[in-house]
Amino acid sequence: MSFANRSFYYSIFERFRSRNPLLTGITVLVLVILFAILYVEPLSRFFDVTSLRASELGICMALATVSVLWFEVYKWFRRKANSLSAHAGQAHDGSREGL
């Protein structure tokens, strides 16, 4: 969600083009720590957690994907609405120039 929320207008894929190395580094670090806590036995015992099965990881990934996709669809509709209103404004402005 951090990557999706970087912009309330532009797509997550467009935002990947403008790199933010700090955000990318922190995300990778957090994922490494999370997987270490889940799958390295001394850490998982210390935090009193159990490893996730592949099916449970799949469910997590599916929920994360749905959580991001609904917001991407919202942003797509917002961009389309802005695009249509911008084109309508240009057509309107162009018709006034002939007067």
Protein backbone atom coordinates (compact mmCIF):
# COMPACT_ATOMS: atom_id res chain seq x y z
CA MET A 1 0.00 0.00 0.00
CA SER A 2 2.93 2.34 0.50
CA PHE A 3 3.64 2.24 -3.21
CA ALA A 4 -0.03 2.65 -4.20
CA ASN A 5 -0.52 5.58 -1.84
CA ARG A 6 2.46 7.53 -3.17
CA SER A 7 0.03 9.25 -5.53
CA PHE A 8 -3.73 9.63 -5.45
CA TYR A 9 -3.72 10.28 -9.20
CA TYR A 10 -0.90 8.38 -10.94
CA SER A 11 -0.79 4.61 -11.26
CA ILE A 12 1.54 2.51 -9.12
CA PHE A 13 3.28 1.47 -12.34
CA GLU A 14 3.90 5.10 -13.34
CA ARG A 15 5.28 5.82 -9.88
CA PHE A 16 7.81 2.98 -10.19
CA ARG A 17 9.47 4.97 -12.98
CA SER A 18 10.32 7.76 -10.56
CA ARG A 19 12.54 5.81 -8.21
CA ASN A 20 12.68 6.42 -4.51
CA PRO A 21 15.65 4.33 -3.34
CA LEU A 22 14.88 4.90 0.34
CA LEU A 23 11.32 3.58 0.04
CA THR A 24 12.52 0.60 -2.02
CA GLY A 25 15.30 -0.17 0.48
CA ILE A 26 13.01 0.06 3.48
CA THR A 27 10.44 -2.18 1.79
CA VAL A 28 13.05 -4.84 0.99
CA LEU A 29 14.46 -4.63 4.52
CA VAL A 30 11.01 -5.02 6.10
CA LEU A 31 10.22 -8.04 3.90
CA VAL A 32 13.55 -9.69 4.76
CA ILE A 33 12.95 -9.13 8.48
CA LEU A 34 9.37 -10.39 8.21
CA PHE A 35 10.42 -13.58 6.45
CA ALA A 36 13.28 -14.08 8.91
CA ILE A 37 10.85 -13.80 11.82
CA LEU A 38 8.51 -16.29 10.19
CA TYR A 39 11.02 -18.85 8.92
CA VAL A 40 14.16 -18.65 11.09
CA GLU A 41 13.45 -20.95 14.01
CA PRO A 42 15.09 -18.96 16.87
CA LEU A 43 13.35 -15.76 15.75
CA SER A 44 9.97 -17.41 15.29
CA ARG A 45 10.24 -18.96 18.78
CA PHE A 46 11.24 -15.60 20.27
CA PHE A 47 8.26 -13.83 18.66
CA ASP A 48 6.02 -16.85 19.29
CA VAL A 49 4.83 -17.17 15.68
CA THR A 50 4.52 -20.13 13.36
CA SER A 51 5.58 -20.33 9.73
CA LEU A 52 2.96 -19.73 7.08
CA ARG A 53 2.11 -22.49 4.64
CA ALA A 54 2.19 -21.76 0.90
CA SER A 55 -1.62 -21.56 0.83
CA GLU A 56 -1.60 -18.99 3.64
CA LEU A 57 1.04 -16.94 1.84
CA GLY A 58 -1.12 -17.13 -1.29
CA ILE A 59 -4.11 -15.81 0.61
CA CYS A 60 -2.00 -12.94 1.95
CA MET A 61 -0.78 -12.10 -1.55
CA ALA A 62 -4.31 -12.25 -2.96
CA LEU A 63 -5.63 -9.92 -0.26
CA ALA A 64 -2.73 -7.53 -0.79
CA THR A 65 -3.36 -7.52 -4.54
CA VAL A 66 -7.08 -6.77 -4.07
CA SER A 67 -6.19 -4.03 -1.59
CA VAL A 68 -4.00 -2.31 -4.16
CA LEU A 69 -6.10 -3.01 -7.27
CA TRP A 70 -9.28 -1.36 -6.04
CA PHE A 71 -7.31 1.82 -5.42
CA GLU A 72 -5.65 1.58 -8.84
CA VAL A 73 -9.08 1.26 -10.46
CA TYR A 74 -10.25 4.35 -8.55
CA LYS A 75 -7.19 6.30 -9.76
CA TRP A 76 -7.78 5.11 -13.34
CA PHE A 77 -11.36 6.43 -13.26
CA ARG A 78 -10.11 9.68 -11.79
CA ARG A 79 -7.52 10.09 -14.56
CA LYS A 80 -10.15 9.32 -17.22
CA ALA A 81 -12.58 11.85 -15.73
CA ASN A 82 -9.87 14.51 -15.67
CA SER A 83 -8.84 13.63 -19.21
CA LEU A 84 -12.42 13.91 -20.49
CA SER A 85 -13.00 17.23 -18.73
CA ALA A 86 -9.68 18.58 -20.07
CA HIS A 87 -10.62 17.60 -23.64
CA ALA A 88 -14.08 19.13 -23.23
CA GLY A 89 -12.51 22.35 -21.96
CA GLN A 90 -10.09 22.49 -24.90
CA ALA A 91 -12.91 21.98 -27.41
CA HIS A 92 -14.93 24.69 -25.72
CA ASP A 93 -12.00 27.12 -25.63
CA GLY A 94 -11.17 26.43 -29.28
CA SER A 95 -14.71 27.22 -30.41
CA ARG A 96 -14.54 30.67 -28.78
CA GLU A 97 -11.42 31.67 -30.69
CA GLY A 98 -13.34 31.83 -33.96
CA LEU A 99 -15.73 34.49 -32.61
